[in-house]
């Protein structure tokens, strides 16, 4: 952890949650580069694409309650997108959850992160009328557009904001009180600053439309997802298992996350680092740091 600056990161937070309910949070480096404020274990962090786990679980709960059909199509729920998104009549909700829709990824269009959009409609407009990447269910390709559309679907069905539904059906039952839907829902002073390599600007005010959480809250969620307590019964768990995964990573300007459960150690490990680039090198260092810490934990387990 003390080598955080050698790896090029301004700050790091690592949460380790054990099966007996105990946990530890380790920090190094800075919460804020300019003030040199030390990394805070209780800081909120933009969890980026880890948000997809919450969205997939919300879709599972709606399907379990027969509020939506996983085999219904995008065109069934959004007829206005027929002719604007190729194959909308054939792309099922299940395919979108599993990234098998062929819908282009809006964050891959027009150097998106140089000028990110602020609303869902603006983000969606970037892929309208583009050709599909492949025929529905014929291949896999990660696409943020799938989860943008799923978020819109949750709001259309529930008649409430997506995060309100997630809070009511997931966070409140699990007593997760330090998870938020937007940068606009929190005190900025509570958020860890984020940076893009080579630039001085603090990116924490950018609204990416994705969730924020403390490392502890995210760790508790990953534990609940993997031990089954996030589900009402075995049938709901089985439905989710047929749809999506139980761990995730996330990367947006200023913020990168790894959130995983390791059954061999019965631990959940969350790692936040707040300095990124998009050329892959910085992410590789993020993963190297993660696995070095994990290997220390494995050696400790063997020595016990």
Protein backbone atom coordinates (compact mmCIF):
# COMPACT_ATOMS: atom_id res chain seq x y z
CA UNK A 1 0.00 0.00 0.00
CA UNK A 2 2.86 2.40 0.79
CA UNK A 3 4.03 2.05 -2.82
CA UNK A 4 0.85 3.68 -4.11
CA UNK A 5 2.74 6.67 -5.54
CA UNK A 6 5.33 4.38 -7.15
CA UNK A 7 2.43 2.84 -9.08
CA UNK A 8 1.26 6.28 -10.21
CA UNK A 9 -1.87 6.50 -8.06
CA UNK A 10 -2.76 9.52 -5.97
CA UNK A 11 -4.67 7.43 -3.47
CA UNK A 12 -5.98 3.96 -2.73
CA UNK A 13 -8.64 2.39 -0.50
CA UNK A 14 -8.77 -1.37 0.07
CA UNK A 15 -11.59 -3.09 1.97
CA UNK A 16 -11.27 -6.69 3.11
CA UNK A 17 -14.39 -8.32 4.52
CA UNK A 18 -14.25 -11.76 6.11
CA UNK A 19 -16.93 -14.40 6.38
CA UNK A 20 -17.18 -13.97 10.16
CA UNK A 21 -18.39 -10.40 9.67
CA UNK A 22 -15.12 -8.70 10.55
CA UNK A 23 -13.49 -6.29 8.14
CA UNK A 24 -10.52 -4.00 7.72
CA UNK A 25 -10.00 -0.97 5.50
CA UNK A 26 -6.53 0.11 4.42
CA UNK A 27 -5.64 3.43 2.82
CA UNK A 28 -2.58 5.14 1.39
CA UNK A 29 -1.88 8.29 -0.56
CA UNK A 30 -4.25 11.19 -0.93
CA UNK A 31 -7.97 11.82 -0.94
CA UNK A 32 -7.18 15.19 -2.53
CA UNK A 33 -3.99 15.87 -4.47
CA UNK A 34 -3.94 19.63 -3.93
CA UNK A 35 -4.56 19.73 -0.19
CA UNK A 36 -2.56 16.53 0.45
CA UNK A 37 -5.46 15.32 2.59
CA UNK A 38 -4.86 11.67 3.41
CA UNK A 39 -7.02 9.01 1.79
CA UNK A 40 -10.11 8.50 3.95
CA UNK A 41 -11.50 4.96 4.43
CA UNK A 42 -15.01 6.43 4.63
CA UNK A 43 -14.82 8.44 1.42
CA UNK A 44 -17.47 7.98 -1.21
CA UNK A 45 -16.12 6.72 -4.52
CA UNK A 46 -17.59 6.62 -8.02
CA UNK A 47 -17.95 2.88 -8.60
CA UNK A 48 -18.40 3.21 -12.37
CA UNK A 49 -19.54 0.00 -14.08
CA UNK A 50 -19.88 -1.86 -10.79
CA UNK A 51 -23.26 -0.08 -10.90
CA UNK A 52 -24.28 -2.77 -13.39
CA UNK A 53 -24.48 -5.35 -10.59
CA UNK A 54 -27.20 -3.30 -8.89
CA UNK A 55 -29.00 -2.76 -12.19
CA UNK A 56 -28.91 -6.46 -13.06
CA UNK A 57 -30.24 -7.32 -9.59
CA UNK A 58 -33.03 -4.77 -9.99
CA UNK A 59 -34.00 -6.31 -13.34
CA UNK A 60 -33.97 -9.75 -11.68
CA UNK A 61 -36.33 -8.58 -8.95
CA UNK A 62 -38.74 -7.04 -11.47
CA UNK A 63 -38.70 -10.23 -13.53
CA UNK A 64 -39.24 -12.36 -10.42
CA UNK A 65 -42.26 -10.19 -9.55
CA UNK A 66 -43.59 -10.56 -13.12
CA UNK A 67 -43.27 -6.82 -13.64
CA UNK A 68 -41.25 -7.48 -16.80
CA UNK A 69 -40.41 -10.40 -19.06
CA UNK A 70 -36.80 -11.24 -19.79
CA UNK A 71 -37.89 -12.70 -23.12
CA UNK A 72 -39.76 -9.56 -24.20
CA UNK A 73 -37.92 -7.36 -26.67
CA UNK A 74 -36.52 -3.88 -26.60
CA UNK A 75 -39.16 -2.98 -29.18
CA UNK A 76 -41.94 -4.28 -26.92
CA UNK A 77 -41.01 -1.81 -24.19
CA UNK A 78 -39.70 1.03 -26.36
CA UNK A 79 -41.57 0.88 -29.70
CA UNK A 80 -40.18 4.31 -30.55
CA UNK A 81 -36.74 2.69 -30.88
CA UNK A 82 -37.85 0.31 -33.64
CA UNK A 83 -36.03 1.54 -36.72
CA UNK A 84 -33.65 3.64 -34.61
CA UNK A 85 -31.82 0.73 -32.96
CA UNK A 86 -31.15 -2.10 -35.37
CA UNK A 87 -32.84 -5.39 -34.40
CA UNK A 88 -34.92 -3.75 -31.65
CA UNK A 89 -37.72 -6.22 -32.42
CA UNK A 90 -35.40 -9.18 -31.78
CA UNK A 91 -33.22 -8.03 -28.89
CA UNK A 92 -34.55 -9.42 -25.60
CA UNK A 93 -34.09 -7.96 -22.14
CA UNK A 94 -32.03 -11.02 -21.24
CA UNK A 95 -29.66 -10.32 -24.15
CA UNK A 96 -29.13 -6.76 -22.94
CA UNK A 97 -28.36 -7.88 -19.38
CA UNK A 98 -25.82 -10.35 -20.78
CA UNK A 99 -24.26 -7.96 -23.34
CA UNK A 100 -25.43 -10.12 -26.24
CA UNK A 101 -27.61 -7.52 -27.96
CA UNK A 102 -25.22 -6.16 -30.58
CA UNK A 103 -26.19 -2.59 -29.67
CA UNK A 104 -23.15 -0.29 -30.09
CA UNK A 105 -21.48 1.08 -26.98
CA UNK A 106 -22.17 4.80 -26.63
CA UNK A 107 -18.92 5.41 -24.72
CA UNK A 108 -17.01 4.16 -27.77
CA UNK A 109 -18.54 6.80 -30.06
CA UNK A 110 -16.86 10.08 -31.05
CA UNK A 111 -14.17 10.09 -28.34
CA UNK A 112 -16.97 10.11 -25.78
CA UNK A 113 -14.98 10.82 -22.63
CA UNK A 114 -13.53 14.02 -24.08
CA UNK A 115 -17.05 15.48 -24.09
CA UNK A 116 -19.32 13.22 -21.97
CA UNK A 117 -23.07 13.68 -22.15
CA UNK A 118 -25.13 14.60 -19.09
CA UNK A 119 -28.51 12.95 -19.77
CA UNK A 120 -29.64 9.47 -20.72
CA UNK A 121 -31.31 10.75 -23.87
CA UNK A 122 -28.13 12.50 -24.98
CA UNK A 123 -26.13 9.33 -24.37
CA UNK A 124 -28.65 7.18 -26.22
CA UNK A 125 -28.74 9.57 -29.17
CA UNK A 126 -25.10 8.73 -29.91
CA UNK A 127 -25.99 5.21 -31.07
CA UNK A 128 -29.33 5.79 -32.76
CA UNK A 129 -29.33 4.74 -36.42
CA UNK A 130 -25.92 3.08 -36.15
CA UNK A 131 -25.51 -0.45 -37.54
CA UNK A 132 -25.54 -3.29 -35.04
CA UNK A 133 -22.20 -4.74 -33.99
CA UNK A 134 -23.62 -8.26 -34.56
CA UNK A 135 -26.92 -10.10 -34.79
CA UNK A 136 -28.75 -10.52 -31.48
CA UNK A 137 -27.45 -13.38 -29.31
CA UNK A 138 -24.81 -14.38 -31.87
CA UNK A 139 -21.88 -12.92 -29.95
CA UNK A 140 -20.81 -11.05 -26.81
CA UNK A 141 -19.60 -7.48 -26.62
CA UNK A 142 -19.64 -5.27 -23.53
CA UNK A 143 -21.84 -2.25 -24.18
CA UNK A 144 -22.79 0.47 -21.73
CA UNK A 145 -25.82 1.18 -23.92
CA UNK A 146 -27.40 -2.07 -22.75
CA UNK A 147 -27.42 -0.87 -19.17
CA UNK A 148 -28.47 2.64 -20.12
CA UNK A 149 -31.57 1.10 -21.72
CA UNK A 150 -32.13 -1.24 -18.77
CA UNK A 151 -32.02 1.75 -16.43
CA UNK A 152 -34.60 3.51 -18.57
CA UNK A 153 -36.71 0.35 -18.52
CA UNK A 154 -36.65 0.16 -14.72
CA UNK A 155 -37.92 3.72 -14.52
CA UNK A 156 -40.60 3.12 -17.15
CA UNK A 157 -41.96 0.07 -15.32
CA UNK A 158 -41.69 1.28 -11.74
CA UNK A 159 -42.64 4.91 -12.39
CA UNK A 160 -39.83 5.94 -10.06
CA UNK A 161 -36.19 6.83 -10.40
CA UNK A 162 -33.95 3.79 -10.84
CA UNK A 163 -31.99 4.56 -7.71
CA UNK A 164 -35.19 4.94 -5.69
CA UNK A 165 -36.16 1.41 -6.73
CA UNK A 166 -32.67 0.09 -5.95
CA UNK A 167 -32.71 1.81 -2.58
CA UNK A 168 -36.14 0.46 -1.68
CA UNK A 169 -35.62 -3.14 -2.82
CA UNK A 170 -31.87 -3.69 -2.35
CA UNK A 171 -30.08 -1.13 -0.21
CA UNK A 172 -32.63 -0.63 2.56
CA UNK A 173 -33.17 -4.37 3.20
CA UNK A 174 -29.38 -4.79 3.38
CA UNK A 175 -28.98 -1.67 5.56
CA UNK A 176 -26.58 -0.05 3.13
CA UNK A 177 -26.81 3.63 3.98
CA UNK A 178 -23.66 4.90 2.30
CA UNK A 179 -24.54 4.14 -1.33
CA UNK A 180 -25.90 6.87 -3.59
CA UNK A 181 -27.31 7.22 -7.07
CA UNK A 182 -25.60 10.38 -8.24
CA UNK A 183 -22.93 12.94 -7.46
CA UNK A 184 -25.84 15.35 -6.94
CA UNK A 185 -27.08 13.33 -3.95
CA UNK A 186 -23.95 13.73 -1.83
CA UNK A 187 -21.70 16.30 -0.19
CA UNK A 188 -18.73 16.86 -2.49
CA UNK A 189 -16.40 16.96 0.51
CA UNK A 190 -17.34 13.32 1.18
CA UNK A 191 -16.17 12.18 -2.27
CA UNK A 192 -12.61 11.07 -3.01
CA UNK A 193 -11.07 13.24 -5.72
CA UNK A 194 -10.33 11.60 -9.07
CA UNK A 195 -7.66 12.36 -11.65
CA UNK A 196 -6.68 11.47 -15.20
CA UNK A 197 -2.97 10.84 -15.62
CA UNK A 198 -1.17 13.95 -16.86
CA UNK A 199 -3.97 16.37 -15.94
CA UNK A 200 -4.40 18.40 -12.77
CA UNK A 201 -8.20 18.77 -12.89
CA UNK A 202 -10.23 17.08 -10.15
CA UNK A 203 -12.94 15.02 -11.88
CA UNK A 204 -15.19 14.31 -8.91
CA UNK A 205 -17.85 16.83 -9.96
CA UNK A 206 -18.45 15.12 -13.33
CA UNK A 207 -21.90 13.51 -13.48
CA UNK A 208 -21.47 10.11 -15.12
CA UNK A 209 -24.95 8.86 -14.23
CA UNK A 210 -23.38 6.09 -12.13
CA UNK A 211 -23.47 5.25 -8.44
CA UNK A 212 -21.19 6.13 -5.53
CA UNK A 213 -20.46 4.10 -2.40
CA UNK A 214 -18.00 3.70 0.40
CA UNK A 215 -15.68 0.71 0.16
CA UNK A 216 -17.43 -0.84 3.16
CA UNK A 217 -20.93 -0.47 1.68
CA UNK A 218 -19.80 -1.93 -1.64
CA UNK A 219 -18.06 -4.77 0.18
CA UNK A 220 -21.21 -5.59 2.12
CA UNK A 221 -23.21 -5.61 -1.11
CA UNK A 222 -20.76 -7.98 -2.82
CA UNK A 223 -20.95 -10.25 0.23
CA UNK A 224 -24.76 -10.22 0.14
CA UNK A 225 -24.78 -10.95 -3.58
CA UNK A 226 -22.51 -13.95 -3.09
CA UNK A 227 -23.93 -15.38 0.14
CA UNK A 228 -27.51 -15.07 -1.09
CA UNK A 229 -28.82 -12.51 1.39
CA UNK A 230 -29.45 -10.03 -1.44
CA UNK A 231 -32.21 -12.37 -2.65
CA UNK A 232 -35.63 -13.13 -1.22
CA UNK A 233 -35.37 -16.86 -1.84
CA UNK A 234 -33.53 -19.52 -3.81
CA UNK A 235 -35.70 -18.98 -6.89
CA UNK A 236 -34.72 -15.33 -7.14
CA UNK A 237 -31.07 -16.30 -6.64
CA UNK A 238 -31.35 -18.91 -9.39
CA UNK A 239 -32.89 -16.35 -11.73
CA UNK A 240 -30.04 -13.90 -11.13
CA UNK A 241 -27.47 -16.67 -11.55
CA UNK A 242 -28.92 -17.40 -14.99
CA UNK A 243 -28.54 -13.74 -15.94
CA UNK A 244 -25.40 -12.06 -14.68
CA UNK A 245 -22.25 -12.30 -12.61
CA UNK A 246 -21.31 -11.78 -8.97
CA UNK A 247 -18.26 -9.53 -9.30
CA UNK A 248 -17.36 -6.52 -11.40
CA UNK A 249 -14.76 -3.93 -12.27
CA UNK A 250 -15.25 -0.29 -13.09
CA UNK A 251 -13.29 2.39 -14.94
CA UNK A 252 -14.23 5.99 -15.65
CA UNK A 253 -12.07 9.14 -15.74
CA UNK A 254 -10.61 9.52 -12.26
CA UNK A 255 -11.90 6.30 -10.75
CA UNK A 256 -11.20 2.58 -11.06
CA UNK A 257 -12.65 -0.24 -8.98
CA UNK A 258 -12.28 -3.97 -8.49
CA UNK A 259 -15.04 -5.64 -6.46
CA UNK A 260 -14.77 -9.41 -5.96
CA UNK A 261 -15.58 -12.27 -3.62
CA UNK A 262 -12.86 -14.92 -3.21
CA UNK A 263 -14.47 -18.19 -2.06
CA UNK A 264 -11.15 -19.92 -1.33
CA UNK A 265 -10.48 -17.32 1.36
CA UNK A 266 -14.11 -16.45 2.06
CA UNK A 267 -13.25 -12.77 1.72
CA UNK A 268 -14.62 -9.84 -0.21
CA UNK A 269 -11.98 -7.47 -1.48
CA UNK A 270 -12.70 -4.00 -2.81
CA UNK A 271 -9.98 -1.81 -4.28
CA UNK A 272 -10.42 1.85 -5.23
CA UNK A 273 -7.70 3.90 -6.93
CA UNK A 274 -8.25 7.49 -8.01
CA UNK A 275 -5.78 8.04 -10.86
CA UNK A 276 -6.47 6.53 -14.29
CA UNK A 277 -5.69 6.58 -17.96
CA UNK A 278 -7.34 4.74 -20.82
CA UNK A 279 -4.29 3.18 -22.47
CA UNK A 280 -4.44 0.06 -20.29
CA UNK A 281 -1.13 0.54 -18.49
CA UNK A 282 -2.63 2.24 -15.47
CA UNK A 283 -5.36 -0.40 -15.19
CA UNK A 284 -2.72 -3.13 -15.34
CA UNK A 285 -0.94 -1.54 -12.37
CA UNK A 286 -4.29 -1.39 -10.56
CA UNK A 287 -4.71 -5.15 -11.10
CA UNK A 288 -1.09 -5.88 -10.11
CA UNK A 289 -1.61 -4.02 -6.84
CA UNK A 290 -4.83 -5.94 -6.23
CA UNK A 291 -3.22 -9.34 -6.81
CA UNK A 292 -0.19 -8.51 -4.68
CA UNK A 293 -2.49 -7.73 -1.76
CA UNK A 294 -4.52 -10.86 -2.47
CA UNK A 295 -1.36 -12.98 -2.46
CA UNK A 296 -0.41 -11.57 0.93
CA UNK A 297 -3.82 -12.61 2.24
CA UNK A 298 -3.36 -16.11 0.79
CA UNK A 299 0.02 -16.48 2.47
CA UNK A 300 -1.46 -15.33 5.75
CA UNK A 301 -4.25 -17.88 5.40
CA UNK A 302 -1.75 -20.70 4.82
CA UNK A 303 0.30 -19.71 7.85
CA UNK A 304 -2.72 -19.77 10.18
